[in-house]
Amino acid sequence: MLAIETLQGSLGNGIYRGLVKTIARAWKPSQIQGIGLLHKVLTYMQAAERGLRRLDDPVSLTGPEAIDPILRSLKLRSLHQVDSLETLKQIVLALEETARRVKR
């Protein structure tokens, strides 16, 4: 449970709470029942952390303002509103595509 709680800072509240809620149907990690479910939540959070790190390279090519139209297309105002791995994946892939176009 401690490993999950330590990821809150790097993930942000949106995705952290979103993953705990959707995967474990709980509001906080201390409410998660079972080691298997704790492990599943941790695995998803680690994947989210990798996804957020994956944004670094395309942002360095495009600038941070390139995220704004992607977020607007998803009806989000900031990355802090992202609450699922699927949404994060869409943002990462779209920004990587934008970076590829900038590189050409």
PDB file of N, CA and C in Angstrom:
ATOM      1  N   MET A   1       0.818  -1.186   0.000  1.00  0.00           N
ATOM      2  CA  MET A   1       0.000   0.000   0.000  1.00  0.00           C
ATOM      3  C   MET A   1       0.866   1.255   0.000  1.00  0.00           C
ATOM      4  N   LEU A   2       1.987   1.228   0.677  1.00  0.00           N
ATOM      5  CA  LEU A   2       2.874   2.380   0.732  1.00  0.00           C
ATOM      6  C   LEU A   2       3.406   2.721  -0.655  1.00  0.00           C
ATOM      7  N   ALA A   3       3.722   1.703  -1.450  1.00  0.00           N
ATOM      8  CA  ALA A   3       4.217   1.938  -2.808  1.00  0.00           C
ATOM      9  C   ALA A   3       3.176   2.681  -3.640  1.00  0.00           C
ATOM     10  N   ILE A   4       1.925   2.366  -3.448  1.00  0.00           N
ATOM     11  CA  ILE A   4       0.841   3.054  -4.157  1.00  0.00           C
ATOM     12  C   ILE A   4       0.757   4.504  -3.699  1.00  0.00           C
ATOM     13  N   GLU A   5       0.775   4.719  -2.401  1.00  0.00           N
ATOM     14  CA  GLU A   5       0.644   6.069  -1.861  1.00  0.00           C
ATOM     15  C   GLU A   5       1.798   6.967  -2.285  1.00  0.00           C
ATOM     16  N   THR A   6       2.985   6.430  -2.446  1.00  0.00           N
ATOM     17  CA  THR A   6       4.128   7.256  -2.843  1.00  0.00           C
ATOM     18  C   THR A   6       4.015   7.741  -4.287  1.00  0.00           C
ATOM     19  N   LEU A   7       3.194   7.098  -5.084  1.00  0.00           N
ATOM     20  CA  LEU A   7       3.030   7.506  -6.476  1.00  0.00           C
ATOM     21  C   LEU A   7       2.071   8.683  -6.644  1.00  0.00           C
ATOM     22  N   GLN A   8       1.344   9.048  -5.608  1.00  0.00           N
ATOM     23  CA  GLN A   8       0.370  10.119  -5.736  1.00  0.00           C
ATOM     24  C   GLN A   8       1.027  11.422  -6.192  1.00  0.00           C
ATOM     25  N   GLY A   9       2.175  11.738  -5.660  1.00  0.00           N
ATOM     26  CA  GLY A   9       2.851  12.981  -6.027  1.00  0.00           C
ATOM     27  C   GLY A   9       3.261  13.031  -7.484  1.00  0.00           C
ATOM     28  N   SER A  10       3.802  11.945  -8.000  1.00  0.00           N
ATOM     29  CA  SER A  10       4.259  11.948  -9.388  1.00  0.00           C
ATOM     30  C   SER A  10       3.114  11.799 -10.385  1.00  0.00           C
ATOM     31  N   LEU A  11       2.025  11.178  -9.983  1.00  0.00           N
ATOM     32  CA  LEU A  11       0.891  10.989 -10.883  1.00  0.00           C
ATOM     33  C   LEU A  11      -0.081  12.166 -10.865  1.00  0.00           C
ATOM     34  N   GLY A  12      -0.191  12.813  -9.741  1.00  0.00           N
ATOM     35  CA  GLY A  12      -1.209  13.842  -9.589  1.00  0.00           C
ATOM     36  C   GLY A  12      -2.504  13.211  -9.103  1.00  0.00           C
ATOM     37  N   ASN A  13      -3.335  14.019  -8.494  1.00  0.00           N
ATOM     38  CA  ASN A  13      -4.558  13.501  -7.880  1.00  0.00           C
ATOM     39  C   ASN A  13      -5.527  12.885  -8.868  1.00  0.00           C
ATOM     40  N   GLY A  14      -5.637  13.450 -10.055  1.00  0.00           N
ATOM     41  CA  GLY A  14      -6.625  12.962 -11.014  1.00  0.00           C
ATOM     42  C   GLY A  14      -6.433  11.507 -11.376  1.00  0.00           C
ATOM     43  N   ILE A  15      -5.270  11.194 -11.887  1.00  0.00           N
ATOM     44  CA  ILE A  15      -5.032   9.813 -12.325  1.00  0.00           C
ATOM     45  C   ILE A  15      -4.885   8.874 -11.123  1.00  0.00           C
ATOM     46  N   TYR A  16      -4.293   9.376 -10.042  1.00  0.00           N
ATOM     47  CA  TYR A  16      -4.133   8.563  -8.834  1.00  0.00           C
ATOM     48  C   TYR A  16      -5.503   8.119  -8.305  1.00  0.00           C
ATOM     49  N   ARG A  17      -6.376   9.081  -8.081  1.00  0.00           N
ATOM     50  CA  ARG A  17      -7.707   8.749  -7.553  1.00  0.00           C
ATOM     51  C   ARG A  17      -8.538   7.995  -8.584  1.00  0.00           C
ATOM     52  N   GLY A  18      -8.373   8.369  -9.849  1.00  0.00           N
ATOM     53  CA  GLY A  18      -9.119   7.681 -10.903  1.00  0.00           C
ATOM     54  C   GLY A  18      -8.789   6.201 -10.959  1.00  0.00           C
ATOM     55  N   LEU A  19      -7.510   5.869 -10.843  1.00  0.00           N
ATOM     56  CA  LEU A  19      -7.113   4.461 -10.891  1.00  0.00           C
ATOM     57  C   LEU A  19      -7.567   3.700  -9.651  1.00  0.00           C
ATOM     58  N   VAL A  20      -7.431   4.311  -8.484  1.00  0.00           N
ATOM     59  CA  VAL A  20      -7.890   3.644  -7.255  1.00  0.00           C
ATOM     60  C   VAL A  20      -9.398   3.398  -7.349  1.00  0.00           C
ATOM     61  N   LYS A  21     -10.110   4.395  -7.842  1.00  0.00           N
ATOM     62  CA  LYS A  21     -11.570   4.283  -7.912  1.00  0.00           C
ATOM     63  C   LYS A  21     -12.022   3.247  -8.938  1.00  0.00           C
ATOM     64  N   THR A  22     -11.470   3.306 -10.151  1.00  0.00           N
ATOM     65  CA  THR A  22     -11.968   2.413 -11.200  1.00  0.00           C
ATOM     66  C   THR A  22     -11.457   0.988 -11.065  1.00  0.00           C
ATOM     67  N   ILE A  23     -10.248   0.815 -10.603  1.00  0.00           N
ATOM     68  CA  ILE A  23      -9.695  -0.536 -10.519  1.00  0.00           C
ATOM     69  C   ILE A  23     -10.102  -1.226  -9.217  1.00  0.00           C
ATOM     70  N   ALA A  24     -10.002  -0.485  -8.117  1.00  0.00           N
ATOM     71  CA  ALA A  24     -10.257  -1.111  -6.814  1.00  0.00           C
ATOM     72  C   ALA A  24     -11.626  -0.754  -6.236  1.00  0.00           C
ATOM     73  N   ARG A  25     -12.344   0.148  -6.892  1.00  0.00           N
ATOM     74  CA  ARG A  25     -13.632   0.601  -6.380  1.00  0.00           C
ATOM     75  C   ARG A  25     -13.509   1.091  -4.940  1.00  0.00           C
ATOM     76  N   ALA A  26     -12.455   1.888  -4.727  1.00  0.00           N
ATOM     77  CA  ALA A  26     -12.183   2.442  -3.402  1.00  0.00           C
ATOM     78  C   ALA A  26     -11.820   3.912  -3.558  1.00  0.00           C
ATOM     79  N   TRP A  27     -11.887   4.659  -2.467  1.00  0.00           N
ATOM     80  CA  TRP A  27     -11.529   6.059  -2.511  1.00  0.00           C
ATOM     81  C   TRP A  27     -10.056   6.260  -2.160  1.00  0.00           C
ATOM     82  N   LYS A  28      -9.512   5.396  -1.304  1.00  0.00           N
ATOM     83  CA  LYS A  28      -8.098   5.498  -0.929  1.00  0.00           C
ATOM     84  C   LYS A  28      -7.510   4.099  -0.798  1.00  0.00           C
ATOM     85  N   PRO A  29      -6.191   3.978  -0.966  1.00  0.00           N
ATOM     86  CA  PRO A  29      -5.553   2.661  -0.962  1.00  0.00           C
ATOM     87  C   PRO A  29      -5.805   1.836   0.301  1.00  0.00           C
ATOM     88  N   SER A  30      -5.970   2.489   1.429  1.00  0.00           N
ATOM     89  CA  SER A  30      -6.208   1.732   2.669  1.00  0.00           C
ATOM     90  C   SER A  30      -7.530   0.972   2.640  1.00  0.00           C
ATOM     91  N   GLN A  31      -8.414   1.329   1.724  1.00  0.00           N
ATOM     92  CA  GLN A  31      -9.704   0.642   1.608  1.00  0.00           C
ATOM     93  C   GLN A  31      -9.648  -0.548   0.651  1.00  0.00           C
ATOM     94  N   ILE A  32      -8.530  -0.746  -0.020  1.00  0.00           N
ATOM     95  CA  ILE A  32      -8.414  -1.828  -1.003  1.00  0.00           C
ATOM     96  C   ILE A  32      -8.242  -3.149  -0.269  1.00  0.00           C
ATOM     97  N   GLN A  33      -9.092  -4.093  -0.616  1.00  0.00           N
ATOM     98  CA  GLN A  33      -9.064  -5.409   0.015  1.00  0.00           C
ATOM     99  C   GLN A  33      -8.352  -6.404  -0.887  1.00  0.00           C
ATOM    100  N   GLY A  34      -7.349  -7.057  -0.370  1.00  0.00           N
ATOM    101  CA  GLY A  34      -6.671  -8.132  -1.092  1.00  0.00           C
ATOM    102  C   GLY A  34      -5.374  -7.708  -1.739  1.00  0.00           C
ATOM    103  N   ILE A  35      -4.379  -8.540  -1.593  1.00  0.00           N
ATOM    104  CA  ILE A  35      -3.050  -8.268  -2.128  1.00  0.00           C
ATOM    105  C   ILE A  35      -3.051  -8.251  -3.656  1.00  0.00           C
ATOM    106  N   GLY A  36      -3.860  -9.103  -4.253  1.00  0.00           N
ATOM    107  CA  GLY A  36      -3.932  -9.142  -5.710  1.00  0.00           C
ATOM    108  C   GLY A  36      -4.443  -7.832  -6.286  1.00  0.00           C
ATOM    109  N   LEU A  37      -5.448  -7.268  -5.663  1.00  0.00           N
ATOM    110  CA  LEU A  37      -6.012  -6.004  -6.122  1.00  0.00           C
ATOM    111  C   LEU A  37      -5.034  -4.852  -5.876  1.00  0.00           C
ATOM    112  N   LEU A  38      -4.349  -4.884  -4.743  1.00  0.00           N
ATOM    113  CA  LEU A  38      -3.311  -3.882  -4.481  1.00  0.00           C
ATOM    114  C   LEU A  38      -2.228  -3.942  -5.562  1.00  0.00           C
ATOM    115  N   HIS A  39      -1.821  -5.145  -5.906  1.00  0.00           N
ATOM    116  CA  HIS A  39      -0.792  -5.320  -6.929  1.00  0.00           C
ATOM    117  C   HIS A  39      -1.287  -4.800  -8.291  1.00  0.00           C
ATOM    118  N   LYS A  40      -2.533  -5.058  -8.605  1.00  0.00           N
ATOM    119  CA  LYS A  40      -3.100  -4.595  -9.873  1.00  0.00           C
ATOM    120  C   LYS A  40      -3.113  -3.060  -9.933  1.00  0.00           C
ATOM    121  N   VAL A  41      -3.535  -2.422  -8.846  1.00  0.00           N
ATOM    122  CA  VAL A  41      -3.547  -0.957  -8.794  1.00  0.00           C
ATOM    123  C   VAL A  41      -2.132  -0.414  -8.947  1.00  0.00           C
ATOM    124  N   LEU A  42      -1.180  -1.019  -8.241  1.00  0.00           N
ATOM    125  CA  LEU A  42       0.215  -0.590  -8.346  1.00  0.00           C
ATOM    126  C   LEU A  42       0.728  -0.731  -9.775  1.00  0.00           C
ATOM    127  N   THR A  43       0.417  -1.825 -10.421  1.00  0.00           N
ATOM    128  CA  THR A  43       0.847  -2.052 -11.804  1.00  0.00           C
ATOM    129  C   THR A  43       0.294  -0.978 -12.733  1.00  0.00           C
ATOM    130  N   TYR A  44      -0.974  -0.643 -12.591  1.00  0.00           N
ATOM    131  CA  TYR A  44      -1.594   0.404 -13.415  1.00  0.00           C
ATOM    132  C   TYR A  44      -0.959   1.760 -13.127  1.00  0.00           C
ATOM    133  N   MET A  45      -0.680   2.035 -11.865  1.00  0.00           N
ATOM    134  CA  MET A  45      -0.061   3.316 -11.516  1.00  0.00           C
ATOM    135  C   MET A  45       1.351   3.419 -12.073  1.00  0.00           C
ATOM    136  N   GLN A  46       2.084   2.325 -12.050  1.00  0.00           N
ATOM    137  CA  GLN A  46       3.432   2.328 -12.630  1.00  0.00           C
ATOM    138  C   GLN A  46       3.356   2.556 -14.135  1.00  0.00           C
ATOM    139  N   ALA A  47       2.354   1.992 -14.780  1.00  0.00           N
ATOM    140  CA  ALA A  47       2.154   2.222 -16.215  1.00  0.00           C
ATOM    141  C   ALA A  47       1.823   3.692 -16.471  1.00  0.00           C
ATOM    142  N   ALA A  48       1.009   4.288 -15.629  1.00  0.00           N
ATOM    143  CA  ALA A  48       0.674   5.708 -15.765  1.00  0.00           C
ATOM    144  C   ALA A  48       1.916   6.565 -15.581  1.00  0.00           C
ATOM    145  N   GLU A  49       2.748   6.204 -14.642  1.00  0.00           N
ATOM    146  CA  GLU A  49       3.995   6.946 -14.414  1.00  0.00           C
ATOM    147  C   GLU A  49       4.896   6.882 -15.654  1.00  0.00           C
ATOM    148  N   ARG A  50       4.978   5.702 -16.267  1.00  0.00           N
ATOM    149  CA  ARG A  50       5.767   5.574 -17.507  1.00  0.00           C
ATOM    150  C   ARG A  50       5.152   6.414 -18.620  1.00  0.00           C
ATOM    151  N   GLY A  51       3.838   6.431 -18.698  1.00  0.00           N
ATOM    152  CA  GLY A  51       3.160   7.240 -19.706  1.00  0.00           C
ATOM    153  C   GLY A  51       3.448   8.721 -19.543  1.00  0.00           C
ATOM    154  N   LEU A  52       3.422   9.193 -18.316  1.00  0.00           N
ATOM    155  CA  LEU A  52       3.733  10.601 -18.059  1.00  0.00           C
ATOM    156  C   LEU A  52       5.176  10.922 -18.424  1.00  0.00           C
ATOM    157  N   ARG A  53       6.088  10.013 -18.128  1.00  0.00           N
ATOM    158  CA  ARG A  53       7.491  10.226 -18.509  1.00  0.00           C
ATOM    159  C   ARG A  53       7.660  10.213 -20.021  1.00  0.00           C
ATOM    160  N   ARG A  54       6.830   9.440 -20.705  1.00  0.00           N
ATOM    161  CA  ARG A  54       6.886   9.361 -22.164  1.00  0.00           C
ATOM    162  C   ARG A  54       6.531  10.692 -22.820  1.00  0.00           C
ATOM    163  N   LEU A  55       5.861  11.552 -22.104  1.00  0.00           N
ATOM    164  CA  LEU A  55       5.514  12.866 -22.629  1.00  0.00           C
ATOM    165  C   LEU A  55       6.723  13.799 -22.721  1.00  0.00           C
ATOM    166  N   ASP A  56       7.757  13.519 -21.946  1.00  0.00           N
ATOM    167  CA  ASP A  56       8.909  14.421 -21.883  1.00  0.00           C
ATOM    168  C   ASP A  56       9.562  14.672 -23.237  1.00  0.00           C
ATOM    169  N   ASP A  57       9.848  13.620 -23.991  1.00  0.00           N
ATOM    170  CA  ASP A  57      10.533  13.788 -25.277  1.00  0.00           C
ATOM    171  C   ASP A  57       9.708  14.582 -26.282  1.00  0.00           C
ATOM    172  N   PRO A  58       8.445  14.211 -26.522  1.00  0.00           N
ATOM    173  CA  PRO A  58       7.686  15.015 -27.481  1.00  0.00           C
ATOM    174  C   PRO A  58       7.489  16.464 -27.030  1.00  0.00           C
ATOM    175  N   VAL A  59       7.335  16.698 -25.729  1.00  0.00           N
ATOM    176  CA  VAL A  59       7.180  18.062 -25.235  1.00  0.00           C
ATOM    177  C   VAL A  59       8.447  18.861 -25.499  1.00  0.00           C
ATOM    178  N   SER A  60       9.598  18.217 -25.384  1.00  0.00           N
ATOM    179  CA  SER A  60      10.851  18.938 -25.642  1.00  0.00           C
ATOM    180  C   SER A  60      10.971  19.340 -27.116  1.00  0.00           C
ATOM    181  N   LEU A  61      10.332  18.608 -28.009  1.00  0.00           N
ATOM    182  CA  LEU A  61      10.345  18.941 -29.441  1.00  0.00           C
ATOM    183  C   LEU A  61       9.264  19.954 -29.809  1.00  0.00           C
ATOM    184  N   THR A  62       8.108  19.834 -29.211  1.00  0.00           N
ATOM    185  CA  THR A  62       6.958  20.642 -29.619  1.00  0.00           C
ATOM    186  C   THR A  62       6.733  21.849 -28.733  1.00  0.00           C
ATOM    187  N   GLY A  63       7.222  21.792 -27.513  1.00  0.00           N
ATOM    188  CA  GLY A  63       6.884  22.797 -26.515  1.00  0.00           C
ATOM    189  C   GLY A  63       5.625  22.378 -25.782  1.00  0.00           C
ATOM    190  N   PRO A  64       5.462  22.844 -24.559  1.00  0.00           N
ATOM    191  CA  PRO A  64       4.316  22.417 -23.752  1.00  0.00           C
ATOM    192  C   PRO A  64       2.971  22.862 -24.309  1.00  0.00           C
ATOM    193  N   GLU A  65       2.963  23.923 -25.119  1.00  0.00           N
ATOM    194  CA  GLU A  65       1.684  24.408 -25.666  1.00  0.00           C
ATOM    195  C   GLU A  65       1.053  23.422 -26.642  1.00  0.00           C
ATOM    196  N   ALA A  66       1.809  22.467 -27.162  1.00  0.00           N
ATOM    197  CA  ALA A  66       1.267  21.478 -28.097  1.00  0.00           C
ATOM    198  C   ALA A  66       0.277  20.528 -27.425  1.00  0.00           C
ATOM    199  N   ILE A  67       0.336  20.439 -26.111  1.00  0.00           N
ATOM    200  CA  ILE A  67      -0.597  19.567 -25.386  1.00  0.00           C
ATOM    201  C   ILE A  67      -1.996  20.173 -25.354  1.00  0.00           C
ATOM    202  N   ASP A  68      -2.082  21.502 -25.365  1.00  0.00           N
ATOM    203  CA  ASP A  68      -3.371  22.177 -25.194  1.00  0.00           C
ATOM    204  C   ASP A  68      -4.444  21.741 -26.188  1.00  0.00           C
ATOM    205  N   PRO A  69      -4.177  21.729 -27.508  1.00  0.00           N
ATOM    206  CA  PRO A  69      -5.241  21.302 -28.418  1.00  0.00           C
ATOM    207  C   PRO A  69      -5.637  19.830 -28.233  1.00  0.00           C
ATOM    208  N   ILE A  70      -4.691  19.016 -27.825  1.00  0.00           N
ATOM    209  CA  ILE A  70      -4.982  17.600 -27.574  1.00  0.00           C
ATOM    210  C   ILE A  70      -5.919  17.486 -26.372  1.00  0.00           C
ATOM    211  N   LEU A  71      -5.602  18.219 -25.324  1.00  0.00           N
ATOM    212  CA  LEU A  71      -6.453  18.210 -24.138  1.00  0.00           C
ATOM    213  C   LEU A  71      -7.847  18.736 -24.466  1.00  0.00           C
ATOM    214  N   ARG A  72      -7.911  19.836 -25.226  1.00  0.00           N
ATOM    215  CA  ARG A  72      -9.223  20.390 -25.586  1.00  0.00           C
ATOM    216  C   ARG A  72     -10.051  19.383 -26.379  1.00  0.00           C
ATOM    217  N   SER A  73      -9.392  18.619 -27.261  1.00  0.00           N
ATOM    218  CA  SER A  73     -10.130  17.629 -28.050  1.00  0.00           C
ATOM    219  C   SER A  73     -10.735  16.539 -27.162  1.00  0.00           C
ATOM    220  N   LEU A  74     -10.152  16.357 -25.996  1.00  0.00           N
ATOM    221  CA  LEU A  74     -10.654  15.380 -25.030  1.00  0.00           C
ATOM    222  C   LEU A  74     -11.520  16.032 -23.947  1.00  0.00           C
ATOM    223  N   LYS A  75     -11.803  17.317 -24.152  1.00  0.00           N
ATOM    224  CA  LYS A  75     -12.618  18.096 -23.213  1.00  0.00           C
ATOM    225  C   LYS A  75     -11.977  18.187 -21.826  1.00  0.00           C
ATOM    226  N   LEU A  76     -10.648  18.368 -21.824  1.00  0.00           N
ATOM    227  CA  LEU A  76      -9.883  18.538 -20.595  1.00  0.00           C
ATOM    228  C   LEU A  76      -9.180  19.888 -20.630  1.00  0.00           C
ATOM    229  N   ARG A  77      -8.956  20.468 -19.449  1.00  0.00           N
ATOM    230  CA  ARG A  77      -8.239  21.739 -19.379  1.00  0.00           C
ATOM    231  C   ARG A  77      -6.777  21.557 -19.008  1.00  0.00           C
ATOM    232  N   SER A  78      -6.454  20.438 -18.365  1.00  0.00           N
ATOM    233  CA  SER A  78      -5.066  20.201 -17.971  1.00  0.00           C
ATOM    234  C   SER A  78      -4.821  18.702 -17.791  1.00  0.00           C
ATOM    235  N   LEU A  79      -3.549  18.351 -17.709  1.00  0.00           N
ATOM    236  CA  LEU A  79      -3.181  16.948 -17.459  1.00  0.00           C
ATOM    237  C   LEU A  79      -3.677  16.488 -16.096  1.00  0.00           C
ATOM    238  N   HIS A  80      -3.892  17.418 -15.184  1.00  0.00           N
ATOM    239  CA  HIS A  80      -4.375  17.061 -13.846  1.00  0.00           C
ATOM    240  C   HIS A  80      -5.778  16.479 -13.870  1.00  0.00           C
ATOM    241  N   GLN A  81      -6.500  16.688 -14.957  1.00  0.00           N
ATOM    242  CA  GLN A  81      -7.849  16.141 -15.065  1.00  0.00           C
ATOM    243  C   GLN A  81      -7.865  14.724 -15.626  1.00  0.00           C
ATOM    244  N   VAL A  82      -6.747  14.246 -16.120  1.00  0.00           N
ATOM    245  CA  VAL A  82      -6.678  12.890 -16.661  1.00  0.00           C
ATOM    246  C   VAL A  82      -6.902  11.914 -15.516  1.00  0.00           C
ATOM    247  N   ASP A  83      -7.828  10.972 -15.716  1.00  0.00           N
ATOM    248  CA  ASP A  83      -8.141  10.042 -14.629  1.00  0.00           C
ATOM    249  C   ASP A  83      -8.123   8.579 -15.058  1.00  0.00           C
ATOM    250  N   SER A  84      -7.594   8.324 -16.266  1.00  0.00           N
ATOM    251  CA  SER A  84      -7.530   6.937 -16.710  1.00  0.00           C
ATOM    252  C   SER A  84      -6.309   6.710 -17.590  1.00  0.00           C
ATOM    253  N   LEU A  85      -5.888   5.465 -17.648  1.00  0.00           N
ATOM    254  CA  LEU A  85      -4.759   5.109 -18.514  1.00  0.00           C
ATOM    255  C   LEU A  85      -5.110   5.292 -19.979  1.00  0.00           C
ATOM    256  N   GLU A  86      -6.347   5.030 -20.345  1.00  0.00           N
ATOM    257  CA  GLU A  86      -6.759   5.165 -21.745  1.00  0.00           C
ATOM    258  C   GLU A  86      -6.651   6.614 -22.214  1.00  0.00           C
ATOM    259  N   THR A  87      -7.106   7.537 -21.395  1.00  0.00           N
ATOM    260  CA  THR A  87      -6.999   8.952 -21.751  1.00  0.00           C
ATOM    261  C   THR A  87      -5.539   9.374 -21.828  1.00  0.00           C
ATOM    262  N   LEU A  88      -4.737   8.944 -20.878  1.00  0.00           N
ATOM    263  CA  LEU A  88      -3.307   9.260 -20.900  1.00  0.00           C
ATOM    264  C   LEU A  88      -2.664   8.713 -22.169  1.00  0.00           C
ATOM    265  N   LYS A  89      -3.020   7.503 -22.545  1.00  0.00           N
ATOM    266  CA  LYS A  89      -2.482   6.890 -23.756  1.00  0.00           C
ATOM    267  C   LYS A  89      -2.837   7.723 -24.991  1.00  0.00           C
ATOM    268  N   GLN A  90      -4.082   8.181 -25.076  1.00  0.00           N
ATOM    269  CA  GLN A  90      -4.494   9.005 -26.210  1.00  0.00           C
ATOM    270  C   GLN A  90      -3.653  10.284 -26.292  1.00  0.00           C
ATOM    271  N   ILE A  91      -3.398  10.890 -25.151  1.00  0.00           N
ATOM    272  CA  ILE A  91      -2.601  12.127 -25.119  1.00  0.00           C
ATOM    273  C   ILE A  91      -1.176  11.857 -25.559  1.00  0.00           C
ATOM    274  N   VAL A  92      -0.584  10.795 -25.025  1.00  0.00           N
ATOM    275  CA  VAL A  92       0.804  10.449 -25.372  1.00  0.00           C
ATOM    276  C   VAL A  92       0.932  10.185 -26.867  1.00  0.00           C
ATOM    277  N   LEU A  93       0.056   9.366 -27.413  1.00  0.00           N
ATOM    278  CA  LEU A  93       0.133   9.028 -28.839  1.00  0.00           C
ATOM    279  C   LEU A  93      -0.076  10.257 -29.723  1.00  0.00           C
ATOM    280  N   ALA A  94      -1.027  11.102 -29.361  1.00  0.00           N
ATOM    281  CA  ALA A  94      -1.282  12.313 -30.152  1.00  0.00           C
ATOM    282  C   ALA A  94      -0.093  13.259 -30.089  1.00  0.00           C
ATOM    283  N   LEU A  95       0.505  13.409 -28.924  1.00  0.00           N
ATOM    284  CA  LEU A  95       1.653  14.310 -28.802  1.00  0.00           C
ATOM    285  C   LEU A  95       2.872  13.740 -29.518  1.00  0.00           C
ATOM    286  N   GLU A  96       3.049  12.428 -29.462  1.00  0.00           N
ATOM    287  CA  GLU A  96       4.153  11.815 -30.206  1.00  0.00           C
ATOM    288  C   GLU A  96       3.975  12.026 -31.713  1.00  0.00           C
ATOM    289  N   GLU A  97       2.754  11.943 -32.195  1.00  0.00           N
ATOM    290  CA  GLU A  97       2.483  12.199 -33.612  1.00  0.00           C
ATOM    291  C   GLU A  97       2.780  13.654 -33.966  1.00  0.00           C
ATOM    292  N   THR A  98       2.382  14.562 -33.114  1.00  0.00           N
ATOM    293  CA  THR A  98       2.682  15.984 -33.335  1.00  0.00           C
ATOM    294  C   THR A  98       4.190  16.202 -33.374  1.00  0.00           C
ATOM    295  N   ALA A  99       4.922  15.562 -32.485  1.00  0.00           N
ATOM    296  CA  ALA A  99       6.381  15.703 -32.450  1.00  0.00           C
ATOM    297  C   ALA A  99       7.008  15.142 -33.727  1.00  0.00           C
ATOM    298  N   ARG A 100       6.476  14.044 -34.233  1.00  0.00           N
ATOM    299  CA  ARG A 100       7.003  13.468 -35.499  1.00  0.00           C
ATOM    300  C   ARG A 100       6.836  14.462 -36.641  1.00  0.00           C
ATOM    301  N   ARG A 101       5.707  15.139 -36.688  1.00  0.00           N
ATOM    302  CA  ARG A 101       5.465  16.120 -37.748  1.00  0.00           C
ATOM    303  C   ARG A 101       6.413  17.315 -37.614  1.00  0.00           C
ATOM    304  N   VAL A 102       6.700  17.722 -36.391  1.00  0.00           N
ATOM    305  CA  VAL A 102       7.602  18.852 -36.139  1.00  0.00           C
ATOM    306  C   VAL A 102       9.021  18.484 -36.547  1.00  0.00           C
ATOM    307  N   LYS A 103       9.401  17.245 -36.308  1.00  0.00           N
ATOM    308  CA  LYS A 103      10.764  16.771 -36.624  1.00  0.00           C
ATOM    309  C   LYS A 103      11.046  16.767 -38.116  1.00  0.00           C
ATOM    310  N   ARG A 104      10.045  16.585 -38.945  1.00  0.00           N
ATOM    311  CA  ARG A 104      10.261  16.464 -40.383  1.00  0.00           C
ATOM    312  C   ARG A 104      10.721  17.709 -41.008  1.00  0.00           C
TER     313      ARG A 104
END
